Amino acid sequence: MNTMTHKGYAARIEYSDEDSCFIGHIAGINDIIGFHGDSVAQLRTAFEEAVEDYLETCEKLNRPPQKPYSGNLMLRLPPEVHAAIATAEVSGKSINQWTTDTLADILQTQSS
């Protein structure tokens, strides 16, 4: 899966059959920032302009822009899964590093 990104922000994109255009929003933040385009090229331009406008507006309002992803992810796991993952420490890796490596491997496999 390819994701449209700009300056660390990702686009969530849908197609409107009613309007015959692509409609997007910046994903991962609480502020609602939308954009649209009739083609992928127009959508990309509109997305990049929306990100730039968002960053400029935040600067003018003297407030920090929301960050799309902090790097922290909380998970609830069944105890048996947690225990199995904890064996990663035997290989010299922390649970965090093992999980990061495993998820990165899965994402790499899916994108190939």
PDB file of N, CA and C in Angstrom:
ATOM      1  N   MET A   1       0.844  -1.174   0.000  1.00  0.00           N
ATOM      2  CA  MET A   1       0.000   0.000   0.000  1.00  0.00           C
ATOM      3  C   MET A   1       0.892   1.241   0.000  1.00  0.00           C
ATOM      4  N   ASN A   2       0.608   2.156  -0.870  1.00  0.00           N
ATOM      5  CA  ASN A   2       1.322   3.428  -0.914  1.00  0.00           C
ATOM      6  C   ASN A   2       0.487   4.479  -0.205  1.00  0.00           C
ATOM      7  N   THR A   3       1.169   5.346   0.500  1.00  0.00           N
ATOM      8  CA  THR A   3       0.495   6.415   1.225  1.00  0.00           C
ATOM      9  C   THR A   3       1.022   7.750   0.739  1.00  0.00           C
ATOM     10  N   MET A   4       0.129   8.681   0.486  1.00  0.00           N
ATOM     11  CA  MET A   4       0.528  10.024   0.095  1.00  0.00           C
ATOM     12  C   MET A   4       0.962  10.760   1.351  1.00  0.00           C
ATOM     13  N   THR A   5       2.211  11.231   1.372  1.00  0.00           N
ATOM     14  CA  THR A   5       2.727  11.934   2.540  1.00  0.00           C
ATOM     15  C   THR A   5       3.395  13.240   2.132  1.00  0.00           C
ATOM     16  N   HIS A   6       3.426  14.170   3.084  1.00  0.00           N
ATOM     17  CA  HIS A   6       4.109  15.455   2.878  1.00  0.00           C
ATOM     18  C   HIS A   6       4.483  16.004   4.245  1.00  0.00           C
ATOM     19  N   LYS A   7       5.762  16.263   4.443  1.00  0.00           N
ATOM     20  CA  LYS A   7       6.284  16.833   5.695  1.00  0.00           C
ATOM     21  C   LYS A   7       5.834  16.057   6.931  1.00  0.00           C
ATOM     22  N   GLY A   8       5.798  14.734   6.812  1.00  0.00           N
ATOM     23  CA  GLY A   8       5.438  13.893   7.949  1.00  0.00           C
ATOM     24  C   GLY A   8       3.948  13.666   8.132  1.00  0.00           C
ATOM     25  N   TYR A   9       3.120  14.299   7.317  1.00  0.00           N
ATOM     26  CA  TYR A   9       1.674  14.126   7.401  1.00  0.00           C
ATOM     27  C   TYR A   9       1.225  13.163   6.307  1.00  0.00           C
ATOM     28  N   ALA A  10       0.234  12.329   6.621  1.00  0.00           N
ATOM     29  CA  ALA A  10      -0.289  11.356   5.666  1.00  0.00           C
ATOM     30  C   ALA A  10      -1.714  11.737   5.281  1.00  0.00           C
ATOM     31  N   ALA A  11      -2.083  11.372   4.064  1.00  0.00           N
ATOM     32  CA  ALA A  11      -3.430  11.663   3.568  1.00  0.00           C
ATOM     33  C   ALA A  11      -4.326  10.439   3.710  1.00  0.00           C
ATOM     34  N   ARG A  12      -5.559  10.662   4.146  1.00  0.00           N
ATOM     35  CA  ARG A  12      -6.595   9.632   4.113  1.00  0.00           C
ATOM     36  C   ARG A  12      -7.488  10.005   2.926  1.00  0.00           C
ATOM     37  N   ILE A  13      -7.577   9.129   1.947  1.00  0.00           N
ATOM     38  CA  ILE A  13      -8.216   9.473   0.673  1.00  0.00           C
ATOM     39  C   ILE A  13      -9.405   8.564   0.390  1.00  0.00           C
ATOM     40  N   GLU A  14     -10.465   9.179  -0.127  1.00  0.00           N
ATOM     41  CA  GLU A  14     -11.653   8.454  -0.566  1.00  0.00           C
ATOM     42  C   GLU A  14     -12.042   8.990  -1.939  1.00  0.00           C
ATOM     43  N   TYR A  15     -12.891   8.243  -2.635  1.00  0.00           N
ATOM     44  CA  TYR A  15     -13.401   8.714  -3.917  1.00  0.00           C
ATOM     45  C   TYR A  15     -14.894   8.975  -3.777  1.00  0.00           C
ATOM     46  N   SER A  16     -15.332  10.143  -4.244  1.00  0.00           N
ATOM     47  CA  SER A  16     -16.754  10.482  -4.227  1.00  0.00           C
ATOM     48  C   SER A  16     -17.317  10.259  -5.625  1.00  0.00           C
ATOM     49  N   ASP A  17     -18.118   9.212  -5.775  1.00  0.00           N
ATOM     50  CA  ASP A  17     -18.737   8.943  -7.066  1.00  0.00           C
ATOM     51  C   ASP A  17     -19.735  10.046  -7.401  1.00  0.00           C
ATOM     52  N   GLU A  18     -20.394  10.562  -6.373  1.00  0.00           N
ATOM     53  CA  GLU A  18     -21.383  11.627  -6.554  1.00  0.00           C
ATOM     54  C   GLU A  18     -20.744  12.890  -7.134  1.00  0.00           C
ATOM     55  N   ASP A  19     -19.555  13.244  -6.627  1.00  0.00           N
ATOM     56  CA  ASP A  19     -18.872  14.456  -7.079  1.00  0.00           C
ATOM     57  C   ASP A  19     -17.804  14.182  -8.136  1.00  0.00           C
ATOM     58  N   SER A  20     -17.569  12.917  -8.431  1.00  0.00           N
ATOM     59  CA  SER A  20     -16.545  12.500  -9.406  1.00  0.00           C
ATOM     60  C   SER A  20     -15.179  13.098  -9.091  1.00  0.00           C
ATOM     61  N   CYS A  21     -14.787  13.014  -7.820  1.00  0.00           N
ATOM     62  CA  CYS A  21     -13.466  13.518  -7.437  1.00  0.00           C
ATOM     63  C   CYS A  21     -12.953  12.777  -6.209  1.00  0.00           C
ATOM     64  N   PHE A  22     -11.668  12.917  -5.999  1.00  0.00           N
ATOM     65  CA  PHE A  22     -11.035  12.363  -4.803  1.00  0.00           C
ATOM     66  C   PHE A  22     -11.161  13.381  -3.675  1.00  0.00           C
ATOM     67  N   ILE A  23     -11.454  12.892  -2.486  1.00  0.00           N
ATOM     68  CA  ILE A  23     -11.574  13.747  -1.308  1.00  0.00           C
ATOM     69  C   ILE A  23     -10.606  13.215  -0.263  1.00  0.00           C
ATOM     70  N   GLY A  24      -9.846  14.120   0.332  1.00  0.00           N
ATOM     71  CA  GLY A  24      -8.872  13.683   1.320  1.00  0.00           C
ATOM     72  C   GLY A  24      -8.896  14.518   2.573  1.00  0.00           C
ATOM     73  N   HIS A  25      -8.333  13.951   3.622  1.00  0.00           N
ATOM     74  CA  HIS A  25      -8.150  14.622   4.908  1.00  0.00           C
ATOM     75  C   HIS A  25      -6.772  14.256   5.421  1.00  0.00           C
ATOM     76  N   ILE A  26      -6.187  15.142   6.215  1.00  0.00           N
ATOM     77  CA  ILE A  26      -4.917  14.814   6.851  1.00  0.00           C
ATOM     78  C   ILE A  26      -5.218  13.818   7.966  1.00  0.00           C
ATOM     79  N   ALA A  27      -4.539  12.685   7.935  1.00  0.00           N
ATOM     80  CA  ALA A  27      -4.770  11.611   8.902  1.00  0.00           C
ATOM     81  C   ALA A  27      -3.926  11.808  10.156  1.00  0.00           C
ATOM     82  N   GLY A  28      -4.434  11.311  11.260  1.00  0.00           N
ATOM     83  CA  GLY A  28      -3.645  11.238  12.480  1.00  0.00           C
ATOM     84  C   GLY A  28      -3.609  12.483  13.344  1.00  0.00           C
ATOM     85  N   ILE A  29      -4.415  13.495  13.009  1.00  0.00           N
ATOM     86  CA  ILE A  29      -4.484  14.696  13.846  1.00  0.00           C
ATOM     87  C   ILE A  29      -5.954  14.998  14.139  1.00  0.00           C
ATOM     88  N   ASN A  30      -6.200  15.754  15.204  1.00  0.00           N
ATOM     89  CA  ASN A  30      -7.577  16.102  15.564  1.00  0.00           C
ATOM     90  C   ASN A  30      -8.121  17.263  14.743  1.00  0.00           C
ATOM     91  N   ASP A  31      -7.235  18.179  14.303  1.00  0.00           N
ATOM     92  CA  ASP A  31      -7.693  19.267  13.442  1.00  0.00           C
ATOM     93  C   ASP A  31      -8.228  18.663  12.146  1.00  0.00           C
ATOM     94  N   ILE A  32      -9.289  19.253  11.617  1.00  0.00           N
ATOM     95  CA  ILE A  32      -9.898  18.723  10.396  1.00  0.00           C
ATOM     96  C   ILE A  32      -9.416  19.547   9.214  1.00  0.00           C
ATOM     97  N   ILE A  33      -8.576  18.938   8.396  1.00  0.00           N
ATOM     98  CA  ILE A  33      -7.993  19.599   7.232  1.00  0.00           C
ATOM     99  C   ILE A  33      -8.359  18.765   6.012  1.00  0.00           C
ATOM    100  N   GLY A  34      -9.177  19.334   5.124  1.00  0.00           N
ATOM    101  CA  GLY A  34      -9.629  18.614   3.946  1.00  0.00           C
ATOM    102  C   GLY A  34      -9.074  19.199   2.662  1.00  0.00           C
ATOM    103  N   PHE A  35      -9.133  18.398   1.603  1.00  0.00           N
ATOM    104  CA  PHE A  35      -8.676  18.815   0.276  1.00  0.00           C
ATOM    105  C   PHE A  35      -9.320  17.880  -0.747  1.00  0.00           C
ATOM    106  N   HIS A  36      -9.304  18.262  -2.004  1.00  0.00           N
ATOM    107  CA  HIS A  36      -9.873  17.404  -3.047  1.00  0.00           C
ATOM    108  C   HIS A  36      -9.200  17.673  -4.387  1.00  0.00           C
ATOM    109  N   GLY A  37      -9.418  16.755  -5.324  1.00  0.00           N
ATOM    110  CA  GLY A  37      -8.890  16.914  -6.671  1.00  0.00           C
ATOM    111  C   GLY A  37      -9.568  15.947  -7.618  1.00  0.00           C
ATOM    112  N   ASP A  38      -9.602  16.316  -8.890  1.00  0.00           N
ATOM    113  CA  ASP A  38     -10.229  15.466  -9.902  1.00  0.00           C
ATOM    114  C   ASP A  38      -9.300  14.370 -10.398  1.00  0.00           C
ATOM    115  N   SER A  39      -8.005  14.528 -10.176  1.00  0.00           N
ATOM    116  CA  SER A  39      -7.019  13.527 -10.593  1.00  0.00           C
ATOM    117  C   SER A  39      -6.038  13.316  -9.447  1.00  0.00           C
ATOM    118  N   VAL A  40      -5.225  12.298  -9.571  1.00  0.00           N
ATOM    119  CA  VAL A  40      -4.221  12.044  -8.536  1.00  0.00           C
ATOM    120  C   VAL A  40      -3.254  13.218  -8.454  1.00  0.00           C
ATOM    121  N   ALA A  41      -2.862  13.760  -9.601  1.00  0.00           N
ATOM    122  CA  ALA A  41      -1.941  14.907  -9.606  1.00  0.00           C
ATOM    123  C   ALA A  41      -2.567  16.111  -8.898  1.00  0.00           C
ATOM    124  N   GLN A  42      -3.830  16.397  -9.194  1.00  0.00           N
ATOM    125  CA  GLN A  42      -4.517  17.509  -8.527  1.00  0.00           C
ATOM    126  C   GLN A  42      -4.668  17.243  -7.034  1.00  0.00           C
ATOM    127  N   LEU A  43      -4.956  15.989  -6.689  1.00  0.00           N
ATOM    128  CA  LEU A  43      -5.113  15.628  -5.284  1.00  0.00           C
ATOM    129  C   LEU A  43      -3.802  15.826  -4.530  1.00  0.00           C
ATOM    130  N   ARG A  44      -2.687  15.393  -5.124  1.00  0.00           N
ATOM    131  CA  ARG A  44      -1.379  15.554  -4.479  1.00  0.00           C
ATOM    132  C   ARG A  44      -1.072  17.036  -4.267  1.00  0.00           C
ATOM    133  N   THR A  45      -1.302  17.848  -5.284  1.00  0.00           N
ATOM    134  CA  THR A  45      -1.056  19.287  -5.158  1.00  0.00           C
ATOM    135  C   THR A  45      -1.926  19.886  -4.058  1.00  0.00           C
ATOM    136  N   ALA A  46      -3.204  19.519  -4.046  1.00  0.00           N
ATOM    137  CA  ALA A  46      -4.126  20.046  -3.030  1.00  0.00           C
ATOM    138  C   ALA A  46      -3.715  19.588  -1.631  1.00  0.00           C
ATOM    139  N   PHE A  47      -3.250  18.348  -1.510  1.00  0.00           N
ATOM    140  CA  PHE A  47      -2.801  17.828  -0.219  1.00  0.00           C
ATOM    141  C   PHE A  47      -1.590  18.605   0.284  1.00  0.00           C
ATOM    142  N   GLU A  48      -0.602  18.780  -0.586  1.00  0.00           N
ATOM    143  CA  GLU A  48       0.602  19.515  -0.185  1.00  0.00           C
ATOM    144  C   GLU A  48       0.268  20.957   0.188  1.00  0.00           C
ATOM    145  N   GLU A  49      -0.631  21.587  -0.575  1.00  0.00           N
ATOM    146  CA  GLU A  49      -1.054  22.954  -0.249  1.00  0.00           C
ATOM    147  C   GLU A  49      -1.790  22.993   1.092  1.00  0.00           C
ATOM    148  N   ALA A  50      -2.602  21.969   1.362  1.00  0.00           N
ATOM    149  CA  ALA A  50      -3.341  21.918   2.631  1.00  0.00           C
ATOM    150  C   ALA A  50      -2.379  21.788   3.812  1.00  0.00           C
ATOM    151  N   VAL A  51      -1.350  20.959   3.666  1.00  0.00           N
ATOM    152  CA  VAL A  51      -0.359  20.806   4.737  1.00  0.00           C
ATOM    153  C   VAL A  51       0.373  22.123   4.955  1.00  0.00           C
ATOM    154  N   GLU A  52       0.818  22.743   3.857  1.00  0.00           N
ATOM    155  CA  GLU A  52       1.542  24.017   3.966  1.00  0.00           C
ATOM    156  C   GLU A  52       0.665  25.086   4.616  1.00  0.00           C
ATOM    157  N   ASP A  53      -0.600  25.154   4.197  1.00  0.00           N
ATOM    158  CA  ASP A  53      -1.526  26.136   4.762  1.00  0.00           C
ATOM    159  C   ASP A  53      -1.751  25.871   6.251  1.00  0.00           C
ATOM    160  N   TYR A  54      -1.889  24.615   6.615  1.00  0.00           N
ATOM    161  CA  TYR A  54      -2.068  24.245   8.021  1.00  0.00           C
ATOM    162  C   TYR A  54      -0.874  24.703   8.854  1.00  0.00           C
ATOM    163  N   LEU A  55       0.331  24.423   8.369  1.00  0.00           N
ATOM    164  CA  LEU A  55       1.537  24.810   9.107  1.00  0.00           C
ATOM    165  C   LEU A  55       1.658  26.330   9.221  1.00  0.00           C
ATOM    166  N   GLU A  56       1.347  27.044   8.126  1.00  0.00           N
ATOM    167  CA  GLU A  56       1.401  28.512   8.149  1.00  0.00           C
ATOM    168  C   GLU A  56       0.354  29.088   9.101  1.00  0.00           C
ATOM    169  N   THR A  57      -0.848  28.519   9.082  1.00  0.00           N
ATOM    170  CA  THR A  57      -1.917  28.993   9.961  1.00  0.00           C
ATOM    171  C   THR A  57      -1.546  28.783  11.427  1.00  0.00           C
ATOM    172  N   CYS A  58      -0.989  27.627  11.739  1.00  0.00           N
ATOM    173  CA  CYS A  58      -0.558  27.370  13.121  1.00  0.00           C
ATOM    174  C   CYS A  58       0.497  28.379  13.549  1.00  0.00           C
ATOM    175  N   GLU A  59       1.408  28.693  12.639  1.00  0.00           N
ATOM    176  CA  GLU A  59       2.455  29.669  12.964  1.00  0.00           C
ATOM    177  C   GLU A  59       1.844  31.046  13.218  1.00  0.00           C
ATOM    178  N   LYS A  60       0.892  31.451  12.364  1.00  0.00           N
ATOM    179  CA  LYS A  60       0.240  32.755  12.537  1.00  0.00           C
ATOM    180  C   LYS A  60      -0.537  32.827  13.846  1.00  0.00           C
ATOM    181  N   LEU A  61      -1.127  31.705  14.245  1.00  0.00           N
ATOM    182  CA  LEU A  61      -1.901  31.656  15.487  1.00  0.00           C
ATOM    183  C   LEU A  61      -1.010  31.412  16.704  1.00  0.00           C
ATOM    184  N   ASN A  62       0.280  31.275  16.451  1.00  0.00           N
ATOM    185  CA  ASN A  62       1.267  31.046  17.512  1.00  0.00           C
ATOM    186  C   ASN A  62       0.936  29.802  18.348  1.00  0.00           C
ATOM    187  N   ARG A  63       0.556  28.732  17.653  1.00  0.00           N
ATOM    188  CA  ARG A  63       0.322  27.462  18.335  1.00  0.00           C
ATOM    189  C   ARG A  63       1.017  26.354  17.550  1.00  0.00           C
ATOM    190  N   PRO A  64       1.533  25.366  18.239  1.00  0.00           N
ATOM    191  CA  PRO A  64       2.253  24.303  17.538  1.00  0.00           C
ATOM    192  C   PRO A  64       1.294  23.445  16.717  1.00  0.00           C
ATOM    193  N   PRO A  65       1.695  23.054  15.512  1.00  0.00           N
ATOM    194  CA  PRO A  65       0.854  22.146  14.728  1.00  0.00           C
ATOM    195  C   PRO A  65       0.823  20.778  15.398  1.00  0.00           C
ATOM    196  N   GLN A  66      -0.292  20.102  15.259  1.00  0.00           N
ATOM    197  CA  GLN A  66      -0.380  18.756  15.812  1.00  0.00           C
ATOM    198  C   GLN A  66       0.553  17.837  15.035  1.00  0.00           C
ATOM    199  N   LYS A  67       1.187  16.944  15.735  1.00  0.00           N
ATOM    200  CA  LYS A  67       2.054  15.955  15.106  1.00  0.00           C
ATOM    201  C   LYS A  67       1.204  14.742  14.764  1.00  0.00           C
ATOM    202  N   PRO A  68       1.370  14.209  13.552  1.00  0.00           N
ATOM    203  CA  PRO A  68       0.517  13.102  13.150  1.00  0.00           C
ATOM    204  C   PRO A  68       0.726  11.828  13.969  1.00  0.00           C
ATOM    205  N   TYR A  69       1.953  11.508  14.299  1.00  0.00           N
ATOM    206  CA  TYR A  69       2.212  10.289  15.056  1.00  0.00           C
ATOM    207  C   TYR A  69       3.360  10.556  16.007  1.00  0.00           C
ATOM    208  N   SER A  70       3.182  10.213  17.258  1.00  0.00           N
ATOM    209  CA  SER A  70       4.183  10.520  18.280  1.00  0.00           C
ATOM    210  C   SER A  70       5.295   9.490  18.345  1.00  0.00           C
ATOM    211  N   GLY A  71       5.051   8.297  17.822  1.00  0.00           N
ATOM    212  CA  GLY A  71       6.021   7.224  17.974  1.00  0.00           C
ATOM    213  C   GLY A  71       5.677   6.321  19.150  1.00  0.00           C
ATOM    214  N   ASN A  72       4.671   6.701  19.919  1.00  0.00           N
ATOM    215  CA  ASN A  72       4.208   5.857  21.026  1.00  0.00           C
ATOM    216  C   ASN A  72       2.932   5.153  20.606  1.00  0.00           C
ATOM    217  N   LEU A  73       2.863   3.861  20.878  1.00  0.00           N
ATOM    218  CA  LEU A  73       1.701   3.063  20.507  1.00  0.00           C
ATOM    219  C   LEU A  73       1.364   2.144  21.675  1.00  0.00           C
ATOM    220  N   MET A  74       0.180   2.300  22.212  1.00  0.00           N
ATOM    221  CA  MET A  74      -0.255   1.450  23.328  1.00  0.00           C
ATOM    222  C   MET A  74      -1.055   0.285  22.758  1.00  0.00           C
ATOM    223  N   LEU A  75      -0.728  -0.916  23.204  1.00  0.00           N
ATOM    224  CA  LEU A  75      -1.436  -2.110  22.744  1.00  0.00           C
ATOM    225  C   LEU A  75      -1.942  -2.904  23.936  1.00  0.00           C
ATOM    226  N   ARG A  76      -3.082  -3.531  23.758  1.00  0.00           N
ATOM    227  CA  ARG A  76      -3.571  -4.496  24.742  1.00  0.00           C
ATOM    228  C   ARG A  76      -3.424  -5.865  24.090  1.00  0.00           C
ATOM    229  N   LEU A  77      -2.725  -6.745  24.774  1.00  0.00           N
ATOM    230  CA  LEU A  77      -2.460  -8.076  24.247  1.00  0.00           C
ATOM    231  C   LEU A  77      -2.955  -9.133  25.224  1.00  0.00           C
ATOM    232  N   PRO A  78      -3.361 -10.280  24.700  1.00  0.00           N
ATOM    233  CA  PRO A  78      -3.654 -11.385  25.609  1.00  0.00           C
ATOM    234  C   PRO A  78      -2.368 -11.763  26.357  1.00  0.00           C
ATOM    235  N   PRO A  79      -2.468 -12.170  27.604  1.00  0.00           N
ATOM    236  CA  PRO A  79      -1.276 -12.487  28.394  1.00  0.00           C
ATOM    237  C   PRO A  79      -0.340 -13.488  27.730  1.00  0.00           C
ATOM    238  N   GLU A  80      -0.898 -14.489  27.046  1.00  0.00           N
ATOM    239  CA  GLU A  80      -0.039 -15.494  26.408  1.00  0.00           C
ATOM    240  C   GLU A  80       0.773 -14.900  25.255  1.00  0.00           C
ATOM    241  N   VAL A  81       0.200 -13.928  24.543  1.00  0.00           N
ATOM    242  CA  VAL A  81       0.948 -13.250  23.475  1.00  0.00           C
ATOM    243  C   VAL A  81       2.040 -12.380  24.092  1.00  0.00           C
ATOM    244  N   HIS A  82       1.699 -11.655  25.138  1.00  0.00           N
ATOM    245  CA  HIS A  82       2.678 -10.815  25.834  1.00  0.00           C
ATOM    246  C   HIS A  82       3.848 -11.670  26.336  1.00  0.00           C
ATOM    247  N   ALA A  83       3.534 -12.818  26.921  1.00  0.00           N
ATOM    248  CA  ALA A  83       4.584 -13.709  27.428  1.00  0.00           C
ATOM    249  C   ALA A  83       5.467 -14.221  26.296  1.00  0.00           C
ATOM    250  N   ALA A  84       4.857 -14.567  25.173  1.00  0.00           N
ATOM    251  CA  ALA A  84       5.639 -15.060  24.035  1.00  0.00           C
ATOM    252  C   ALA A  84       6.556 -13.972  23.495  1.00  0.00           C
ATOM    253  N   ILE A  85       6.056 -12.753  23.412  1.00  0.00           N
ATOM    254  CA  ILE A  85       6.874 -11.639  22.925  1.00  0.00           C
ATOM    255  C   ILE A  85       8.010 -11.347  23.898  1.00  0.00           C
ATOM    256  N   ALA A  86       7.750 -11.519  25.173  1.00  0.00           N
ATOM    257  CA  ALA A  86       8.772 -11.244  26.187  1.00  0.00           C
ATOM    258  C   ALA A  86       9.995 -12.133  26.024  1.00  0.00           C
ATOM    259  N   THR A  87       9.850 -13.258  25.337  1.00  0.00           N
ATOM    260  CA  THR A  87      11.016 -14.124  25.100  1.00  0.00           C
ATOM    261  C   THR A  87      12.020 -13.458  24.166  1.00  0.00           C
ATOM    262  N   ALA A  88      11.648 -12.350  23.564  1.00  0.00           N
ATOM    263  CA  ALA A  88      12.578 -11.602  22.706  1.00  0.00           C
ATOM    264  C   ALA A  88      13.797 -11.163  23.495  1.00  0.00           C
ATOM    265  N   GLU A  89      13.624 -10.977  24.793  1.00  0.00           N
ATOM    266  CA  GLU A  89      14.746 -10.557  25.633  1.00  0.00           C
ATOM    267  C   GLU A  89      15.861 -11.594  25.636  1.00  0.00           C
ATOM    268  N   VAL A  90      15.507 -12.853  25.416  1.00  0.00           N
ATOM    269  CA  VAL A  90      16.514 -13.913  25.349  1.00  0.00           C
ATOM    270  C   VAL A  90      17.468 -13.655  24.185  1.00  0.00           C
ATOM    271  N   SER A  91      16.951 -13.074  23.108  1.00  0.00           N
ATOM    272  CA  SER A  91      17.793 -12.784  21.941  1.00  0.00           C
ATOM    273  C   SER A  91      18.547 -11.469  22.097  1.00  0.00           C
ATOM    274  N   GLY A  92      18.414 -10.835  23.255  1.00  0.00           N
ATOM    275  CA  GLY A  92      19.144  -9.593  23.500  1.00  0.00           C
ATOM    276  C   GLY A  92      18.412  -8.344  23.054  1.00  0.00           C
ATOM    277  N   LYS A  93      17.144  -8.485  22.693  1.00  0.00           N
ATOM    278  CA  LYS A  93      16.357  -7.331  22.257  1.00  0.00           C
ATOM    279  C   LYS A  93      15.304  -7.006  23.305  1.00  0.00           C
ATOM    280  N   SER A  94      15.026  -5.723  23.450  1.00  0.00           N
ATOM    281  CA  SER A  94      13.907  -5.323  24.299  1.00  0.00           C
ATOM    282  C   SER A  94      12.609  -5.661  23.572  1.00  0.00           C
ATOM    283  N   ILE A  95      11.518  -5.721  24.315  1.00  0.00           N
ATOM    284  CA  ILE A  95      10.219  -5.955  23.677  1.00  0.00           C
ATOM    285  C   ILE A  95       9.951  -4.860  22.653  1.00  0.00           C
ATOM    286  N   ASN A  96      10.288  -3.633  22.996  1.00  0.00           N
ATOM    287  CA  ASN A  96      10.082  -2.514  22.079  1.00  0.00           C
ATOM    288  C   ASN A  96      10.857  -2.721  20.778  1.00  0.00           C
ATOM    289  N   GLN A  97      12.133  -3.080  20.869  1.00  0.00           N
ATOM    290  CA  GLN A  97      12.949  -3.260  19.667  1.00  0.00           C
ATOM    291  C   GLN A  97      12.471  -4.456  18.856  1.00  0.00           C
ATOM    292  N   TRP A  98      12.115  -5.547  19.538  1.00  0.00           N
ATOM    293  CA  TRP A  98      11.622  -6.730  18.839  1.00  0.00           C
ATOM    294  C   TRP A  98      10.336  -6.396  18.076  1.00  0.00           C
ATOM    295  N   THR A  99       9.421  -5.690  18.736  1.00  0.00           N
ATOM    296  CA  THR A  99       8.156  -5.320  18.096  1.00  0.00           C
ATOM    297  C   THR A  99       8.396  -4.391  16.915  1.00  0.00           C
ATOM    298  N   THR A 100       9.267  -3.409  17.084  1.00  0.00           N
ATOM    299  CA  THR A 100       9.589  -2.485  15.996  1.00  0.00           C
ATOM    300  C   THR A 100      10.167  -3.241  14.805  1.00  0.00           C
ATOM    301  N   ASP A 101      11.132  -4.115  15.047  1.00  0.00           N
ATOM    302  CA  ASP A 101      11.752  -4.892  13.970  1.00  0.00           C
ATOM    303  C   ASP A 101      10.738  -5.790  13.275  1.00  0.00           C
ATOM    304  N   THR A 102       9.895  -6.456  14.062  1.00  0.00           N
ATOM    305  CA  THR A 102       8.904  -7.374  13.499  1.00  0.00           C
ATOM    306  C   THR A 102       7.881  -6.629  12.645  1.00  0.00           C
ATOM    307  N   LEU A 103       7.373  -5.514  13.149  1.00  0.00           N
ATOM    308  CA  LEU A 103       6.401  -4.733  12.370  1.00  0.00           C
ATOM    309  C   LEU A 103       7.036  -4.152  11.113  1.00  0.00           C
ATOM    310  N   ALA A 104       8.277  -3.688  11.209  1.00  0.00           N
ATOM    311  CA  ALA A 104       8.975  -3.161  10.030  1.00  0.00           C
ATOM    312  C   ALA A 104       9.145  -4.254   8.982  1.00  0.00           C
ATOM    313  N   ASP A 105       9.484  -5.479   9.407  1.00  0.00           N
ATOM    314  CA  ASP A 105       9.619  -6.604   8.469  1.00  0.00           C
ATOM    315  C   ASP A 105       8.294  -6.893   7.775  1.00  0.00           C
ATOM    316  N   ILE A 106       7.202  -6.881   8.532  1.00  0.00           N
ATOM    317  CA  ILE A 106       5.880  -7.139   7.954  1.00  0.00           C
ATOM    318  C   ILE A 106       5.529  -6.057   6.938  1.00  0.00           C
ATOM    319  N   LEU A 107       5.757  -4.802   7.286  1.00  0.00           N
ATOM    320  CA  LEU A 107       5.453  -3.704   6.363  1.00  0.00           C
ATOM    321  C   LEU A 107       6.295  -3.800   5.104  1.00  0.00           C
ATOM    322  N   GLN A 108       7.558  -4.165   5.243  1.00  0.00           N
ATOM    323  CA  GLN A 108       8.444  -4.317   4.082  1.00  0.00           C
ATOM    324  C   GLN A 108       7.938  -5.433   3.174  1.00  0.00           C
ATOM    325  N   THR A 109       7.513  -6.544   3.760  1.00  0.00           N
ATOM    326  CA  THR A 109       6.999  -7.673   2.990  1.00  0.00           C
ATOM    327  C   THR A 109       5.724  -7.281   2.246  1.00  0.00           C
ATOM    328  N   GLN A 110       4.841  -6.540   2.908  1.00  0.00           N
ATOM    329  CA  GLN A 110       3.579  -6.136   2.282  1.00  0.00           C
ATOM    330  C   GLN A 110       3.780  -5.142   1.155  1.00  0.00           C
ATOM    331  N   SER A 111       4.813  -4.304   1.247  1.00  0.00           N
ATOM    332  CA  SER A 111       5.016  -3.283   0.216  1.00  0.00           C
ATOM    333  C   SER A 111       5.799  -3.814  -0.977  1.00  0.00           C
ATOM    334  N   SER A 112       6.321  -5.051  -0.890  1.00  0.00           N
ATOM    335  CA  SER A 112       7.069  -5.600  -2.032  1.00  0.00           C
ATOM    336  C   SER A 112       6.184  -6.372  -2.953  1.00  0.00           C
TER     337      SER A 112
END
